[in-house]
């Protein structure tokens, strides 16, 4: 067993737990990210607003990816490797 395989084996349960928590508390995590972003924006007096918004959006995307169902995979693909079907246009 290689080094990376050992790491995957050790961190697999932690990843599963984090994914479960993201599924359960995704809305609270998003609220916390928004609060933190607002606080940092105020402390920097709006100097880095665009960067803070970008970082917050990336963090929210990461939480969304973690909270996806396990059969979709990390890259957003279906269990068979095909891309997911996009949502209907509104």
Protein backbone atom coordinates (compact mmCIF):
# COMPACT_ATOMS: atom_id res chain seq x y z
CA UNK A 1 0.00 0.00 0.00
CA UNK A 2 1.46 3.34 -1.05
CA UNK A 3 1.69 6.49 0.99
CA UNK A 4 -1.27 8.14 -0.74
CA UNK A 5 -3.40 5.04 -0.25
CA UNK A 6 -2.59 5.14 3.47
CA UNK A 7 -3.58 8.80 3.65
CA UNK A 8 -6.85 8.13 1.84
CA UNK A 9 -7.61 5.26 4.21
CA UNK A 10 -6.96 7.43 7.26
CA UNK A 11 -8.84 10.51 6.06
CA UNK A 12 -11.78 8.70 4.46
CA UNK A 13 -13.87 8.60 7.66
CA UNK A 14 -13.16 12.28 8.35
CA UNK A 15 -14.25 13.19 4.82
CA UNK A 16 -17.44 11.19 5.24
CA UNK A 17 -18.19 12.91 8.55
CA UNK A 18 -17.53 16.37 7.09
CA UNK A 19 -19.81 15.54 4.17
CA UNK A 20 -22.58 14.48 6.54
CA UNK A 21 -22.23 17.64 8.58
CA UNK A 22 -22.34 19.74 5.40
CA UNK A 23 -25.56 17.99 4.40
CA UNK A 24 -27.14 18.57 7.80
CA UNK A 25 -25.98 22.11 8.47
CA UNK A 26 -25.28 23.63 5.06
CA UNK A 27 -27.61 26.57 5.67
CA UNK A 28 -25.95 27.41 8.99
CA UNK A 29 -22.50 27.14 7.40
CA UNK A 30 -23.58 29.56 4.65
CA UNK A 31 -24.88 32.00 7.25
CA UNK A 32 -21.61 31.77 9.16
CA UNK A 33 -19.61 32.42 6.00
CA UNK A 34 -21.75 35.48 5.27
CA UNK A 35 -21.28 36.80 8.81
CA UNK A 36 -17.53 36.28 8.67
CA UNK A 37 -17.32 37.96 5.26
CA UNK A 38 -19.31 40.96 6.51
CA UNK A 39 -17.08 41.32 9.56
CA UNK A 40 -13.88 41.16 7.52
CA UNK A 41 -15.30 43.60 4.97
CA UNK A 42 -16.16 46.09 7.72
CA UNK A 43 -12.75 45.74 9.37
CA UNK A 44 -10.98 46.35 6.07
CA UNK A 45 -13.38 49.24 5.33
CA UNK A 46 -14.47 47.71 2.03
CA UNK A 47 -10.96 47.73 0.57
CA UNK A 48 -11.09 44.03 -0.35
CA UNK A 49 -14.83 43.58 -0.93
CA UNK A 50 -14.43 41.92 -4.32
CA UNK A 51 -11.87 39.42 -3.01
CA UNK A 52 -13.99 38.67 0.05
CA UNK A 53 -17.04 38.01 -2.13
CA UNK A 54 -15.02 35.72 -4.40
CA UNK A 55 -13.64 33.78 -1.44
CA UNK A 56 -17.05 33.46 0.15
CA UNK A 57 -18.54 32.18 -3.11
CA UNK A 58 -15.78 29.58 -3.45
CA UNK A 59 -16.25 28.46 0.15
CA UNK A 60 -20.01 28.09 -0.39
CA UNK A 61 -19.39 26.09 -3.57
CA UNK A 62 -17.07 23.78 -1.63
CA UNK A 63 -19.74 23.24 1.03
CA UNK A 64 -22.29 22.52 -1.68
CA UNK A 65 -19.98 19.97 -3.32
CA UNK A 66 -19.34 18.29 0.03
CA UNK A 67 -23.04 18.03 0.74
CA UNK A 68 -23.89 16.38 -2.59
CA UNK A 69 -25.15 12.84 -2.46
CA UNK A 70 -22.31 10.29 -2.30
CA UNK A 71 -23.24 8.64 -5.62
CA UNK A 72 -22.53 11.81 -7.61
CA UNK A 73 -18.81 11.96 -6.89
CA UNK A 74 -16.46 14.83 -6.14
CA UNK A 75 -16.42 16.24 -9.67
CA UNK A 76 -20.20 16.46 -9.87
CA UNK A 77 -20.48 13.45 -12.16
CA UNK A 78 -23.07 10.76 -11.88
CA UNK A 79 -22.22 7.34 -10.51
CA UNK A 80 -21.59 6.12 -14.06
CA UNK A 81 -19.14 8.94 -14.89
CA UNK A 82 -21.54 10.96 -17.03
CA UNK A 83 -22.03 14.66 -16.36
CA UNK A 84 -25.09 15.58 -14.28
CA UNK A 85 -28.22 16.81 -16.01
CA UNK A 86 -28.48 20.60 -15.69
CA UNK A 87 -31.53 22.01 -13.90
CA UNK A 88 -34.40 23.19 -16.12
CA UNK A 89 -34.24 26.83 -17.20
CA UNK A 90 -36.73 29.07 -15.46
